[in-house]
PDB file of N, CA and C in Angstrom:
ATOM      1  N   MET A   1     -24.405  44.489   6.511  1.00  0.00           N
ATOM      2  CA  MET A   1     -24.742  43.322   5.096  1.00  0.00           C
ATOM      3  C   MET A   1     -25.429  43.923   4.439  1.00  0.00           C
ATOM      4  N   PRO A   2     -25.017  44.387   2.666  1.00  0.00           N
ATOM      5  CA  PRO A   2     -26.084  44.272   1.643  1.00  0.00           C
ATOM      6  C   PRO A   2     -27.051  43.235   1.732  1.00  0.00           C
ATOM      7  N   SER A   3     -28.399  43.836   1.930  1.00  0.00           N
ATOM      8  CA  SER A   3     -29.436  42.613   1.793  1.00  0.00           C
ATOM      9  C   SER A   3     -29.707  42.376   0.180  1.00  0.00           C
ATOM     10  N   ARG A   4     -29.438  41.464  -0.271  1.00  0.00           N
ATOM     11  CA  ARG A   4     -29.902  40.238  -1.966  1.00  0.00           C
ATOM     12  C   ARG A   4     -30.858  40.638  -2.544  1.00  0.00           C
ATOM     13  N   SER A   5     -30.953  41.399  -3.565  1.00  0.00           N
ATOM     14  CA  SER A   5     -32.268  41.178  -4.512  1.00  0.00           C
ATOM     15  C   SER A   5     -32.635  40.254  -5.069  1.00  0.00           C
ATOM     16  N   TRP A   6     -34.293  40.557  -5.398  1.00  0.00           N
ATOM     17  CA  TRP A   6     -34.423  39.589  -5.583  1.00  0.00           C
ATOM     18  C   TRP A   6     -34.233  38.209  -6.742  1.00  0.00           C
ATOM     19  N   LEU A   7     -33.565  39.011  -7.646  1.00  0.00           N
ATOM     20  CA  LEU A   7     -32.629  38.287  -8.587  1.00  0.00           C
ATOM     21  C   LEU A   7     -31.973  37.130  -8.375  1.00  0.00           C
ATOM     22  N   GLN A   8     -30.968  37.827  -7.369  1.00  0.00           N
ATOM     23  CA  GLN A   8     -29.531  36.907  -6.570  1.00  0.00           C
ATOM     24  C   GLN A   8     -30.223  35.967  -5.520  1.00  0.00           C
ATOM     25  N   THR A   9     -31.542  36.094  -5.028  1.00  0.00           N
ATOM     26  CA  THR A   9     -31.758  35.197  -4.173  1.00  0.00           C
ATOM     27  C   THR A   9     -32.747  33.940  -5.074  1.00  0.00           C
ATOM     28  N   ALA A  10     -32.997  34.449  -6.243  1.00  0.00           N
ATOM     29  CA  ALA A  10     -33.894  33.361  -7.010  1.00  0.00           C
ATOM     30  C   ALA A  10     -33.115  32.457  -8.090  1.00  0.00           C
ATOM     31  N   ALA A  11     -31.904  33.109  -8.264  1.00  0.00           N
ATOM     32  CA  ALA A  11     -30.813  32.683  -8.733  1.00  0.00           C
ATOM     33  C   ALA A  11     -29.610  31.551  -7.950  1.00  0.00           C
ATOM     34  N   LYS A  12     -30.019  31.674  -6.726  1.00  0.00           N
ATOM     35  CA  LYS A  12     -29.347  31.013  -5.914  1.00  0.00           C
ATOM     36  C   LYS A  12     -30.446  29.840  -5.500  1.00  0.00           C
ATOM     37  N   ARG A  13     -31.460  29.868  -5.589  1.00  0.00           N
ATOM     38  CA  ARG A  13     -32.444  28.998  -5.171  1.00  0.00           C
ATOM     39  C   ARG A  13     -32.519  27.724  -6.787  1.00  0.00           C
ATOM     40  N   SER A  14     -32.871  28.698  -8.009  1.00  0.00           N
ATOM     41  CA  SER A  14     -33.010  28.142  -9.042  1.00  0.00           C
ATOM     42  C   SER A  14     -31.986  27.212  -9.458  1.00  0.00           C
ATOM     43  N   LEU A  15     -30.151  27.798  -9.291  1.00  0.00           N
ATOM     44  CA  LEU A  15     -29.242  26.928  -9.683  1.00  0.00           C
ATOM     45  C   LEU A  15     -28.551  26.022  -9.559  1.00  0.00           C
ATOM     46  N   PRO A  16     -28.079  24.805  -9.772  1.00  0.00           N
ATOM     47  CA  PRO A  16     -27.533  23.878  -9.281  1.00  0.00           C
ATOM     48  C   PRO A  16     -26.268  24.319  -8.402  1.00  0.00           C
ATOM     49  N   ARG A  17     -25.747  23.627  -7.142  1.00  0.00           N
ATOM     50  CA  ARG A  17     -24.429  24.035  -6.622  1.00  0.00           C
ATOM     51  C   ARG A  17     -23.416  23.688  -7.219  1.00  0.00           C
ATOM     52  N   PRO A  18     -22.199  24.263  -7.195  1.00  0.00           N
ATOM     53  CA  PRO A  18     -21.155  23.328  -8.139  1.00  0.00           C
ATOM     54  C   PRO A  18     -20.836  21.947  -7.593  1.00  0.00           C
ATOM     55  N   ALA A  19     -20.521  21.458  -8.672  1.00  0.00           N
ATOM     56  CA  ALA A  19     -20.045  19.672  -8.203  1.00  0.00           C
ATOM     57  C   ALA A  19     -18.557  19.615  -8.260  1.00  0.00           C
ATOM     58  N   THR A  20     -17.842  20.222  -7.495  1.00  0.00           N
ATOM     59  CA  THR A  20     -16.700  19.942  -7.351  1.00  0.00           C
ATOM     60  C   THR A  20     -16.132  18.818  -7.005  1.00  0.00           C
ATOM     61  N   CYS A  21     -16.552  17.614  -6.602  1.00  0.00           N
ATOM     62  CA  CYS A  21     -16.878  16.186  -6.079  1.00  0.00           C
ATOM     63  C   CYS A  21     -17.123  15.312  -7.758  1.00  0.00           C
ATOM     64  N   CYS A  22     -18.127  15.792  -8.366  1.00  0.00           N
ATOM     65  CA  CYS A  22     -18.127  15.202  -9.780  1.00  0.00           C
ATOM     66  C   CYS A  22     -16.734  15.618 -10.589  1.00  0.00           C
ATOM     67  N   ALA A  23     -16.191  16.294 -10.757  1.00  0.00           N
ATOM     68  CA  ALA A  23     -14.977  16.840 -11.487  1.00  0.00           C
ATOM     69  C   ALA A  23     -14.015  15.974 -10.766  1.00  0.00           C
ATOM     70  N   GLN A  24     -13.526  15.550  -9.897  1.00  0.00           N
ATOM     71  CA  GLN A  24     -12.859  14.788  -9.016  1.00  0.00           C
ATOM     72  C   GLN A  24     -13.349  13.633  -8.949  1.00  0.00           C
ATOM     73  N   ARG A  25     -13.981  12.594  -9.747  1.00  0.00           N
ATOM     74  CA  ARG A  25     -14.474  11.691  -9.814  1.00  0.00           C
ATOM     75  C   ARG A  25     -14.396  11.288 -11.606  1.00  0.00           C
ATOM     76  N   ILE A  26     -14.712  12.435 -12.501  1.00  0.00           N
ATOM     77  CA  ILE A  26     -14.399  12.378 -13.365  1.00  0.00           C
ATOM     78  C   ILE A  26     -12.583  12.461 -13.808  1.00  0.00           C
ATOM     79  N   ALA A  27     -11.725  12.921 -13.262  1.00  0.00           N
ATOM     80  CA  ALA A  27     -10.715  13.108 -13.214  1.00  0.00           C
ATOM     81  C   ALA A  27      -9.823  11.717 -13.556  1.00  0.00           C
ATOM     82  N   LEU A  28     -10.207  11.458 -11.907  1.00  0.00           N
ATOM     83  CA  LEU A  28      -9.819  10.016 -11.427  1.00  0.00           C
ATOM     84  C   LEU A  28     -10.264   9.063 -12.398  1.00  0.00           C
ATOM     85  N   GLY A  29     -11.340   8.824 -12.570  1.00  0.00           N
ATOM     86  CA  GLY A  29     -11.933   8.005 -14.081  1.00  0.00           C
ATOM     87  C   GLY A  29     -11.216   7.815 -15.404  1.00  0.00           C
ATOM     88  N   LEU A  30     -10.853   9.187 -15.931  1.00  0.00           N
ATOM     89  CA  LEU A  30      -9.861   9.717 -16.872  1.00  0.00           C
ATOM     90  C   LEU A  30      -8.758   9.192 -16.538  1.00  0.00           C
ATOM     91  N   PHE A  31      -8.189   9.903 -15.504  1.00  0.00           N
ATOM     92  CA  PHE A  31      -6.571   9.317 -15.163  1.00  0.00           C
ATOM     93  C   PHE A  31      -6.192   7.519 -15.224  1.00  0.00           C
ATOM     94  N   GLY A  32      -7.353   7.093 -14.485  1.00  0.00           N
ATOM     95  CA  GLY A  32      -7.121   5.357 -14.558  1.00  0.00           C
ATOM     96  C   GLY A  32      -7.422   4.798 -16.188  1.00  0.00           C
ATOM     97  N   ALA A  33      -8.441   5.558 -16.930  1.00  0.00           N
ATOM     98  CA  ALA A  33      -8.607   5.223 -18.224  1.00  0.00           C
ATOM     99  C   ALA A  33      -7.585   5.155 -19.265  1.00  0.00           C
ATOM    100  N   LEU A  34      -6.676   6.041 -18.670  1.00  0.00           N
ATOM    101  CA  LEU A  34      -5.448   6.608 -19.483  1.00  0.00           C
ATOM    102  C   LEU A  34      -4.061   5.442 -19.362  1.00  0.00           C
ATOM    103  N   ALA A  35      -4.609   4.904 -17.692  1.00  0.00           N
ATOM    104  CA  ALA A  35      -4.010   4.139 -17.184  1.00  0.00           C
ATOM    105  C   ALA A  35      -3.668   2.684 -17.911  1.00  0.00           C
ATOM    106  N   LEU A  36      -4.895   2.276 -17.969  1.00  0.00           N
ATOM    107  CA  LEU A  36      -5.706   1.264 -18.324  1.00  0.00           C
ATOM    108  C   LEU A  36      -4.625   0.992 -20.224  1.00  0.00           C
ATOM    109  N   VAL A  37      -4.879   1.808 -20.841  1.00  0.00           N
ATOM    110  CA  VAL A  37      -4.822   2.076 -22.903  1.00  0.00           C
ATOM    111  C   VAL A  37      -3.360   2.273 -22.654  1.00  0.00           C
ATOM    112  N   THR A  38      -2.704   3.006 -21.369  1.00  0.00           N
ATOM    113  CA  THR A  38      -1.426   2.931 -21.804  1.00  0.00           C
ATOM    114  C   THR A  38      -0.554   1.756 -21.034  1.00  0.00           C
ATOM    115  N   ASN A  39      -0.962   0.824 -20.345  1.00  0.00           N
ATOM    116  CA  ASN A  39      -0.599  -0.577 -20.063  1.00  0.00           C
ATOM    117  C   ASN A  39       0.282   0.189 -18.557  1.00  0.00           C
ATOM    118  N   THR A  40      -0.026   1.632 -18.378  1.00  0.00           N
ATOM    119  CA  THR A  40       0.554   1.941 -17.134  1.00  0.00           C
ATOM    120  C   THR A  40      -0.399   1.513 -15.448  1.00  0.00           C
ATOM    121  N   ALA A  41      -1.152   0.775 -15.478  1.00  0.00           N
ATOM    122  CA  ALA A  41      -2.090   0.996 -14.366  1.00  0.00           C
ATOM    123  C   ALA A  41      -1.530   0.750 -12.923  1.00  0.00           C
ATOM    124  N   ILE A  42       0.038  -0.367 -13.086  1.00  0.00           N
ATOM    125  CA  ILE A  42       0.627  -0.766 -11.808  1.00  0.00           C
ATOM    126  C   ILE A  42       1.254   1.019 -11.419  1.00  0.00           C
ATOM    127  N   LEU A  43       1.797   1.809 -12.192  1.00  0.00           N
ATOM    128  CA  LEU A  43       2.057   3.254 -11.949  1.00  0.00           C
ATOM    129  C   LEU A  43       1.072   4.205 -11.554  1.00  0.00           C
ATOM    130  N   LEU A  44      -0.291   3.594 -11.723  1.00  0.00           N
ATOM    131  CA  LEU A  44      -0.841   4.511 -11.140  1.00  0.00           C
ATOM    132  C   LEU A  44      -1.093   4.415  -9.388  1.00  0.00           C
ATOM    133  N   VAL A  45      -1.165   3.110  -9.260  1.00  0.00           N
ATOM    134  CA  VAL A  45      -1.361   2.752  -7.710  1.00  0.00           C
ATOM    135  C   VAL A  45      -0.288   3.509  -6.981  1.00  0.00           C
ATOM    136  N   ILE A  46       1.130   2.610  -7.322  1.00  0.00           N
ATOM    137  CA  ILE A  46       2.623   3.755  -7.042  1.00  0.00           C
ATOM    138  C   ILE A  46       2.572   4.958  -6.818  1.00  0.00           C
ATOM    139  N   ILE A  47       2.335   5.840  -7.953  1.00  0.00           N
ATOM    140  CA  ILE A  47       2.008   7.074  -7.703  1.00  0.00           C
ATOM    141  C   ILE A  47       0.584   7.836  -7.218  1.00  0.00           C
ATOM    142  N   GLY A  48      -0.292   7.214  -6.945  1.00  0.00           N
ATOM    143  CA  GLY A  48      -0.954   7.846  -5.688  1.00  0.00           C
ATOM    144  C   GLY A  48      -0.967   6.917  -4.415  1.00  0.00           C
ATOM    145  N   GLY A  49       0.079   6.213  -4.037  1.00  0.00           N
ATOM    146  CA  GLY A  49      -0.104   5.748  -3.271  1.00  0.00           C
ATOM    147  C   GLY A  49      -0.424   6.180  -1.976  1.00  0.00           C
ATOM    148  N   LEU A  50      -0.369   7.593  -1.618  1.00  0.00           N
ATOM    149  CA  LEU A  50      -1.165   7.978  -0.486  1.00  0.00           C
ATOM    150  C   LEU A  50      -2.521   7.616  -0.712  1.00  0.00           C
ATOM    151  N   PHE A  51      -3.186   8.211  -1.804  1.00  0.00           N
ATOM    152  CA  PHE A  51      -4.990   8.040  -1.866  1.00  0.00           C
ATOM    153  C   PHE A  51      -4.935   6.385  -1.570  1.00  0.00           C
ATOM    154  N   VAL A  52      -4.198   5.189  -2.349  1.00  0.00           N
ATOM    155  CA  VAL A  52      -4.561   3.891  -1.965  1.00  0.00           C
ATOM    156  C   VAL A  52      -4.100   3.864  -0.534  1.00  0.00           C
ATOM    157  N   LEU A  53      -3.170   4.492   0.338  1.00  0.00           N
ATOM    158  CA  LEU A  53      -3.098   4.232   1.756  1.00  0.00           C
ATOM    159  C   LEU A  53      -4.359   4.030   2.364  1.00  0.00           C
ATOM    160  N   GLU A  54      -4.889   5.777   2.063  1.00  0.00           N
ATOM    161  CA  GLU A  54      -6.099   6.121   2.540  1.00  0.00           C
ATOM    162  C   GLU A  54      -6.886   5.020   2.418  1.00  0.00           C
ATOM    163  N   THR A  55      -7.138   4.998   1.393  1.00  0.00           N
ATOM    164  CA  THR A  55      -8.742   3.758   1.099  1.00  0.00           C
ATOM    165  C   THR A  55      -8.572   2.465   1.628  1.00  0.00           C
ATOM    166  N   LEU A  56      -7.147   2.258   1.777  1.00  0.00           N
ATOM    167  CA  LEU A  56      -6.995   0.673   2.633  1.00  0.00           C
ATOM    168  C   LEU A  56      -7.180   0.819   3.970  1.00  0.00           C
ATOM    169  N   SER A  57      -6.548   1.920   4.590  1.00  0.00           N
ATOM    170  CA  SER A  57      -6.754   2.518   6.023  1.00  0.00           C
ATOM    171  C   SER A  57      -8.226   2.238   6.480  1.00  0.00           C
ATOM    172  N   VAL A  58      -9.465   2.783   5.614  1.00  0.00           N
ATOM    173  CA  VAL A  58     -10.947   2.709   5.638  1.00  0.00           C
ATOM    174  C   VAL A  58     -11.118   0.945   5.432  1.00  0.00           C
ATOM    175  N   ILE A  59     -10.673   0.708   4.700  1.00  0.00           N
ATOM    176  CA  ILE A  59     -11.456  -1.494   4.291  1.00  0.00           C
ATOM    177  C   ILE A  59     -11.234  -1.699   5.278  1.00  0.00           C
ATOM    178  N   ALA A  60      -9.421  -1.788   5.798  1.00  0.00           N
ATOM    179  CA  ALA A  60      -9.223  -2.279   6.747  1.00  0.00           C
ATOM    180  C   ALA A  60     -10.072  -2.293   8.639  1.00  0.00           C
ATOM    181  N   GLN A  61     -10.008  -1.258   8.234  1.00  0.00           N
ATOM    182  CA  GLN A  61     -11.231  -0.829   9.253  1.00  0.00           C
ATOM    183  C   GLN A  61     -12.371  -1.150   9.408  1.00  0.00           C
ATOM    184  N   VAL A  62     -13.166  -1.351   8.042  1.00  0.00           N
ATOM    185  CA  VAL A  62     -14.321  -1.260   8.115  1.00  0.00           C
ATOM    186  C   VAL A  62     -14.324  -3.132   8.699  1.00  0.00           C
ATOM    187  N   ILE A  63     -13.683  -3.820   7.696  1.00  0.00           N
ATOM    188  CA  ILE A  63     -13.809  -5.294   7.851  1.00  0.00           C
ATOM    189  C   ILE A  63     -13.271  -5.587   8.932  1.00  0.00           C
ATOM    190  N   SER A  64     -12.509  -4.911   9.659  1.00  0.00           N
ATOM    191  CA  SER A  64     -11.935  -5.330  11.360  1.00  0.00           C
ATOM    192  C   SER A  64     -13.225  -4.966  12.441  1.00  0.00           C
ATOM    193  N   PHE A  65     -13.454  -3.603  12.275  1.00  0.00           N
ATOM    194  CA  PHE A  65     -14.595  -3.765  13.224  1.00  0.00           C
ATOM    195  C   PHE A  65     -16.151  -4.964  12.612  1.00  0.00           C
ATOM    196  N   ARG A  66     -16.364  -5.105  11.549  1.00  0.00           N
ATOM    197  CA  ARG A  66     -17.658  -5.749  10.769  1.00  0.00           C
ATOM    198  C   ARG A  66     -16.977  -6.897  11.283  1.00  0.00           C
ATOM    199  N   GLY A  67     -15.625  -7.311  11.452  1.00  0.00           N
ATOM    200  CA  GLY A  67     -15.465  -9.167  11.595  1.00  0.00           C
ATOM    201  C   GLY A  67     -15.137  -9.513  12.976  1.00  0.00           C
ATOM    202  N   PHE A  68     -14.477  -8.317  13.480  1.00  0.00           N
ATOM    203  CA  PHE A  68     -13.724  -9.084  14.358  1.00  0.00           C
ATOM    204  C   PHE A  68     -14.612  -7.844  15.899  1.00  0.00           C
ATOM    205  N   GLY A  69     -15.281  -6.888  15.707  1.00  0.00           N
ATOM    206  CA  GLY A  69     -15.311  -6.064  16.581  1.00  0.00           C
ATOM    207  C   GLY A  69     -14.439  -5.170  17.126  1.00  0.00           C
ATOM    208  N   ARG A  70     -13.198  -5.291  16.610  1.00  0.00           N
ATOM    209  CA  ARG A  70     -12.527  -4.131  17.301  1.00  0.00           C
ATOM    210  C   ARG A  70     -11.923  -3.619  16.102  1.00  0.00           C
ATOM    211  N   ARG A  71     -11.704  -2.166  16.027  1.00  0.00           N
ATOM    212  CA  ARG A  71     -10.425  -1.298  15.599  1.00  0.00           C
ATOM    213  C   ARG A  71      -9.254  -1.275  15.493  1.00  0.00           C
ATOM    214  N   ILE A  72      -9.099  -0.841  14.115  1.00  0.00           N
ATOM    215  CA  ILE A  72      -7.615  -0.880  14.123  1.00  0.00           C
ATOM    216  C   ILE A  72      -6.826   0.237  14.224  1.00  0.00           C
ATOM    217  N   PHE A  73      -7.699   1.312  13.751  1.00  0.00           N
ATOM    218  CA  PHE A  73      -7.194   2.861  14.235  1.00  0.00           C
ATOM    219  C   PHE A  73      -8.465   3.420  15.064  1.00  0.00           C
ATOM    220  N   ARG A  74      -7.574   4.473  15.352  1.00  0.00           N
ATOM    221  CA  ARG A  74      -8.774   5.126  16.393  1.00  0.00           C
ATOM    222  C   ARG A  74      -9.564   5.794  15.333  1.00  0.00           C
ATOM    223  N   MET A  75      -9.376   6.019  14.215  1.00  0.00           N
ATOM    224  CA  MET A  75     -10.194   7.003  13.436  1.00  0.00           C
ATOM    225  C   MET A  75     -10.184   6.490  11.819  1.00  0.00           C
ATOM    226  N   SER A  76     -10.667   6.311  11.272  1.00  0.00           N
ATOM    227  CA  SER A  76     -10.073   6.223   9.985  1.00  0.00           C
ATOM    228  C   SER A  76     -11.159   7.202   8.797  1.00  0.00           C
ATOM    229  N   PRO A  77     -10.542   7.525   7.870  1.00  0.00           N
ATOM    230  CA  PRO A  77      -8.773   7.189   7.172  1.00  0.00           C
ATOM    231  C   PRO A  77      -7.677   7.723   8.375  1.00  0.00           C
ATOM    232  N   ILE A  78      -6.755   7.222   7.448  1.00  0.00           N
ATOM    233  CA  ILE A  78      -6.005   6.983   8.813  1.00  0.00           C
ATOM    234  C   ILE A  78      -5.143   8.354   9.183  1.00  0.00           C
ATOM    235  N   HIS A  79      -5.279   9.421   8.227  1.00  0.00           N
ATOM    236  CA  HIS A  79      -5.333  10.895   8.711  1.00  0.00           C
ATOM    237  C   HIS A  79      -5.682  11.495   9.835  1.00  0.00           C
ATOM    238  N   HIS A  80      -6.983  11.226   9.989  1.00  0.00           N
ATOM    239  CA  HIS A  80      -7.684  11.384  11.406  1.00  0.00           C
ATOM    240  C   HIS A  80      -6.775  10.395  12.422  1.00  0.00           C
ATOM    241  N   HIS A  81      -6.284   9.123  12.526  1.00  0.00           N
ATOM    242  CA  HIS A  81      -5.797   8.639  13.421  1.00  0.00           C
ATOM    243  C   HIS A  81      -4.696   9.205  13.765  1.00  0.00           C
ATOM    244  N   PHE A  82      -3.712   9.683  13.005  1.00  0.00           N
ATOM    245  CA  PHE A  82      -2.702  10.288  13.557  1.00  0.00           C
ATOM    246  C   PHE A  82      -3.212  11.689  13.962  1.00  0.00           C
ATOM    247  N   GLU A  83      -4.144  12.360  13.565  1.00  0.00           N
ATOM    248  CA  GLU A  83      -4.623  14.008  14.367  1.00  0.00           C
ATOM    249  C   GLU A  83      -5.125  13.476  15.802  1.00  0.00           C
ATOM    250  N   LEU A  84      -6.019  12.171  16.382  1.00  0.00           N
ATOM    251  CA  LEU A  84      -6.318  11.404  17.428  1.00  0.00           C
ATOM    252  C   LEU A  84      -5.328  11.180  18.108  1.00  0.00           C
ATOM    253  N   ALA A  85      -4.119  10.884  17.754  1.00  0.00           N
ATOM    254  CA  ALA A  85      -2.740  10.378  18.085  1.00  0.00           C
ATOM    255  C   ALA A  85      -1.904  11.856  19.219  1.00  0.00           C
ATOM    256  N   GLY A  86      -2.401  12.734  18.375  1.00  0.00           N
ATOM    257  CA  GLY A  86      -1.847  13.941  19.130  1.00  0.00           C
ATOM    258  C   GLY A  86      -0.947  15.017  18.486  1.00  0.00           C
ATOM    259  N   TRP A  87      -0.719  14.392  16.994  1.00  0.00           N
ATOM    260  CA  TRP A  87      -0.047  15.366  15.817  1.00  0.00           C
ATOM    261  C   TRP A  87      -1.110  16.156  15.280  1.00  0.00           C
ATOM    262  N   PRO A  88      -0.348  17.426  15.698  1.00  0.00           N
ATOM    263  CA  PRO A  88      -0.731  18.730  15.193  1.00  0.00           C
ATOM    264  C   PRO A  88      -1.556  18.607  13.439  1.00  0.00           C
ATOM    265  N   GLU A  89      -2.910  19.208  13.192  1.00  0.00           N
ATOM    266  CA  GLU A  89      -2.829  18.840  11.814  1.00  0.00           C
ATOM    267  C   GLU A  89      -1.607  19.390  10.457  1.00  0.00           C
ATOM    268  N   PHE A  90      -1.114  20.130  10.915  1.00  0.00           N
ATOM    269  CA  PHE A  90      -0.553  20.658  10.641  1.00  0.00           C
ATOM    270  C   PHE A  90       1.223  19.526   9.936  1.00  0.00           C
ATOM    271  N   THR A  91       1.212  19.029  10.822  1.00  0.00           N
ATOM    272  CA  THR A  91       2.151  18.270  10.626  1.00  0.00           C
ATOM    273  C   THR A  91       1.816  16.888   9.897  1.00  0.00           C
ATOM    274  N   VAL A  92       0.599  16.239  10.150  1.00  0.00           N
ATOM    275  CA  VAL A  92       0.100  15.354   9.504  1.00  0.00           C
ATOM    276  C   VAL A  92      -0.554  15.732   7.552  1.00  0.00           C
ATOM    277  N   ILE A  93      -0.554  17.245   7.396  1.00  0.00           N
ATOM    278  CA  ILE A  93      -0.650  17.886   6.405  1.00  0.00           C
ATOM    279  C   ILE A  93       1.092  17.872   5.536  1.00  0.00           C
ATOM    280  N   VAL A  94       1.802  18.125   6.331  1.00  0.00           N
ATOM    281  CA  VAL A  94       3.153  18.073   5.498  1.00  0.00           C
ATOM    282  C   VAL A  94       3.670  16.847   5.426  1.00  0.00           C
ATOM    283  N   ARG A  95       3.790  15.631   6.499  1.00  0.00           N
ATOM    284  CA  ARG A  95       4.349  14.491   6.246  1.00  0.00           C
ATOM    285  C   ARG A  95       3.344  13.686   5.260  1.00  0.00           C
ATOM    286  N   PHE A  96       2.158  14.039   4.893  1.00  0.00           N
ATOM    287  CA  PHE A  96       1.292  13.320   3.718  1.00  0.00           C
ATOM    288  C   PHE A  96       1.557  14.336   2.264  1.00  0.00           C
ATOM    289  N   TRP A  97       2.365  14.992   2.068  1.00  0.00           N
ATOM    290  CA  TRP A  97       2.792  16.107   1.306  1.00  0.00           C
ATOM    291  C   TRP A  97       4.185  15.187   0.454  1.00  0.00           C
ATOM    292  N   ILE A  98       5.129  14.825   1.781  1.00  0.00           N
ATOM    293  CA  ILE A  98       6.133  14.248   1.723  1.00  0.00           C
ATOM    294  C   ILE A  98       5.992  12.903   0.796  1.00  0.00           C
ATOM    295  N   VAL A  99       5.440  12.171   1.538  1.00  0.00           N
ATOM    296  CA  VAL A  99       4.837  10.852   1.637  1.00  0.00           C
ATOM    297  C   VAL A  99       4.070  10.412  -0.068  1.00  0.00           C
ATOM    298  N   ALA A 100       3.177  12.007  -0.345  1.00  0.00           N
ATOM    299  CA  ALA A 100       3.154  11.580  -2.269  1.00  0.00           C
ATOM    300  C   ALA A 100       3.725  12.328  -2.401  1.00  0.00           C
ATOM    301  N   GLY A 101       4.648  12.988  -2.453  1.00  0.00           N
ATOM    302  CA  GLY A 101       5.774  13.510  -3.764  1.00  0.00           C
ATOM    303  C   GLY A 101       6.913  12.459  -3.601  1.00  0.00           C
ATOM    304  N   LEU A 102       7.480  11.192  -2.312  1.00  0.00           N
ATOM    305  CA  LEU A 102       8.069  10.346  -2.745  1.00  0.00           C
ATOM    306  C   LEU A 102       7.665   9.007  -3.247  1.00  0.00           C
ATOM    307  N   CYS A 103       6.320   9.108  -3.076  1.00  0.00           N
ATOM    308  CA  CYS A 103       5.143   7.957  -4.216  1.00  0.00           C
ATOM    309  C   CYS A 103       5.219   8.762  -5.294  1.00  0.00           C
ATOM    310  N   SER A 104       5.271   9.377  -5.836  1.00  0.00           N
ATOM    311  CA  SER A 104       5.296  10.325  -6.957  1.00  0.00           C
ATOM    312  C   SER A 104       6.746  10.042  -8.118  1.00  0.00           C
ATOM    313  N   ALA A 105       7.665  10.521  -7.273  1.00  0.00           N
ATOM    314  CA  ALA A 105       8.841  10.432  -7.379  1.00  0.00           C
ATOM    315  C   ALA A 105       9.027   8.778  -8.236  1.00  0.00           C
ATOM    316  N   VAL A 106       9.108   7.615  -6.885  1.00  0.00           N
ATOM    317  CA  VAL A 106       9.353   6.600  -7.267  1.00  0.00           C
ATOM    318  C   VAL A 106       8.481   6.304  -8.633  1.00  0.00           C
ATOM    319  N   GLY A 107       7.112   6.586  -8.713  1.00  0.00           N
ATOM    320  CA  GLY A 107       6.514   6.065  -9.946  1.00  0.00           C
ATOM    321  C   GLY A 107       7.129   6.680 -11.060  1.00  0.00           C
ATOM    322  N   ILE A 108       7.153   7.800 -11.185  1.00  0.00           N
ATOM    323  CA  ILE A 108       7.940   8.336 -12.072  1.00  0.00           C
ATOM    324  C   ILE A 108       9.437   7.752 -12.818  1.00  0.00           C
ATOM    325  N   GLY A 109      10.410   7.718 -11.740  1.00  0.00           N
ATOM    326  CA  GLY A 109      11.266   6.853 -11.613  1.00  0.00           C
ATOM    327  C   GLY A 109      11.389   5.419 -12.549  1.00  0.00           C
ATOM    328  N   LEU A 110      10.185   4.655 -11.954  1.00  0.00           N
ATOM    329  CA  LEU A 110      10.320   3.511 -12.361  1.00  0.00           C
ATOM    330  C   LEU A 110       9.700   3.376 -13.916  1.00  0.00           C
ATOM    331  N   PHE A 111       8.715   4.641 -14.386  1.00  0.00           N
ATOM    332  CA  PHE A 111       8.735   4.579 -15.347  1.00  0.00           C
ATOM    333  C   PHE A 111       9.362   5.152 -16.251  1.00  0.00           C
ATOM    334  N   TYR A 112      10.563   5.775 -15.855  1.00  0.00           N
ATOM    335  CA  TYR A 112      11.503   6.384 -16.671  1.00  0.00           C
ATOM    336  C   TYR A 112      12.529   5.173 -17.232  1.00  0.00           C
ATOM    337  N   ALA A 113      12.649   4.459 -16.104  1.00  0.00           N
ATOM    338  CA  ALA A 113      14.162   3.544 -15.957  1.00  0.00           C
ATOM    339  C   ALA A 113      13.286   1.904 -17.088  1.00  0.00           C
ATOM    340  N   ASP A 114      11.968   2.103 -17.014  1.00  0.00           N
ATOM    341  CA  ASP A 114      11.457   0.769 -18.340  1.00  0.00           C
ATOM    342  C   ASP A 114      11.318   1.845 -19.368  1.00  0.00           C
ATOM    343  N   PHE A 115      11.476   3.324 -19.697  1.00  0.00           N
ATOM    344  CA  PHE A 115      11.286   3.669 -21.006  1.00  0.00           C
ATOM    345  C   PHE A 115      12.617   3.259 -21.058  1.00  0.00           C
ATOM    346  N   ILE A 116      13.674   3.979 -20.663  1.00  0.00           N
ATOM    347  CA  ILE A 116      14.915   3.623 -21.187  1.00  0.00           C
ATOM    348  C   ILE A 116      15.419   2.621 -21.407  1.00  0.00           C
ATOM    349  N   ALA A 117      15.027   1.565 -20.710  1.00  0.00           N
ATOM    350  CA  ALA A 117      15.277   0.207 -20.582  1.00  0.00           C
ATOM    351  C   ALA A 117      14.683  -0.643 -22.202  1.00  0.00           C
ATOM    352  N   ARG A 118      13.763   0.271 -22.733  1.00  0.00           N
ATOM    353  CA  ARG A 118      12.786  -0.526 -24.145  1.00  0.00           C
ATOM    354  C   ARG A 118      13.456   0.023 -25.036  1.00  0.00           C
ATOM    355  N   GLY A 119      14.741   1.076 -24.959  1.00  0.00           N
ATOM    356  CA  GLY A 119      15.085   2.064 -25.714  1.00  0.00           C
ATOM    357  C   GLY A 119      14.913   3.042 -25.854  1.00  0.00           C
ATOM    358  N   GLY A 120      14.168   3.870 -25.269  1.00  0.00           N
ATOM    359  CA  GLY A 120      13.886   5.019 -24.955  1.00  0.00           C
ATOM    360  C   GLY A 120      13.006   5.268 -26.462  1.00  0.00           C
ATOM    361  N   LEU A 121      13.661   6.629 -27.160  1.00  0.00           N
ATOM    362  CA  LEU A 121      12.593   6.859 -28.186  1.00  0.00           C
ATOM    363  C   LEU A 121      12.836   6.672 -29.721  1.00  0.00           C
ATOM    364  N   GLY A 122      14.419   5.766 -29.751  1.00  0.00           N
ATOM    365  CA  GLY A 122      15.163   5.202 -30.594  1.00  0.00           C
ATOM    366  C   GLY A 122      14.711   3.496 -31.167  1.00  0.00           C
TER     367      GLY A 122
END
C-alpha cells in the first residue's frame, strides 16, 4: 500500500467528513414541508409506513421499559428484533422492501383516487 503524501494527510485532517445524515434530514424536512403545503400530510405517513413502524417500535420499547421495566421486543428498532428471532438479514431486508413497496403503492393509490374523485385535471 503506497504511503500518503503530506498533502493528502493534511487534507484528510483539515476537511470535514461528508455528512450524509445531514442530507437525509434535509430531504425528510423538505418532503415534510411539501406534504404540509400540499395538504397530503396523511399520505406522507402512509407512504413512509415502514419508517413510521420503525420509529413507533423504538418509542414503544422505550416507554415500556422505562414505565414497566419490561421490553416488548428483544431489541429495537423492530428489524433487529427479527434478526434476533433467527431471521437471516437478507430475509428481513427483502420483507421490509416488500412492506415499503406496499405502503408506497397504497399511498399513491389513495392519492390518485382522491385526485380522480375531485375531478382530475378538468
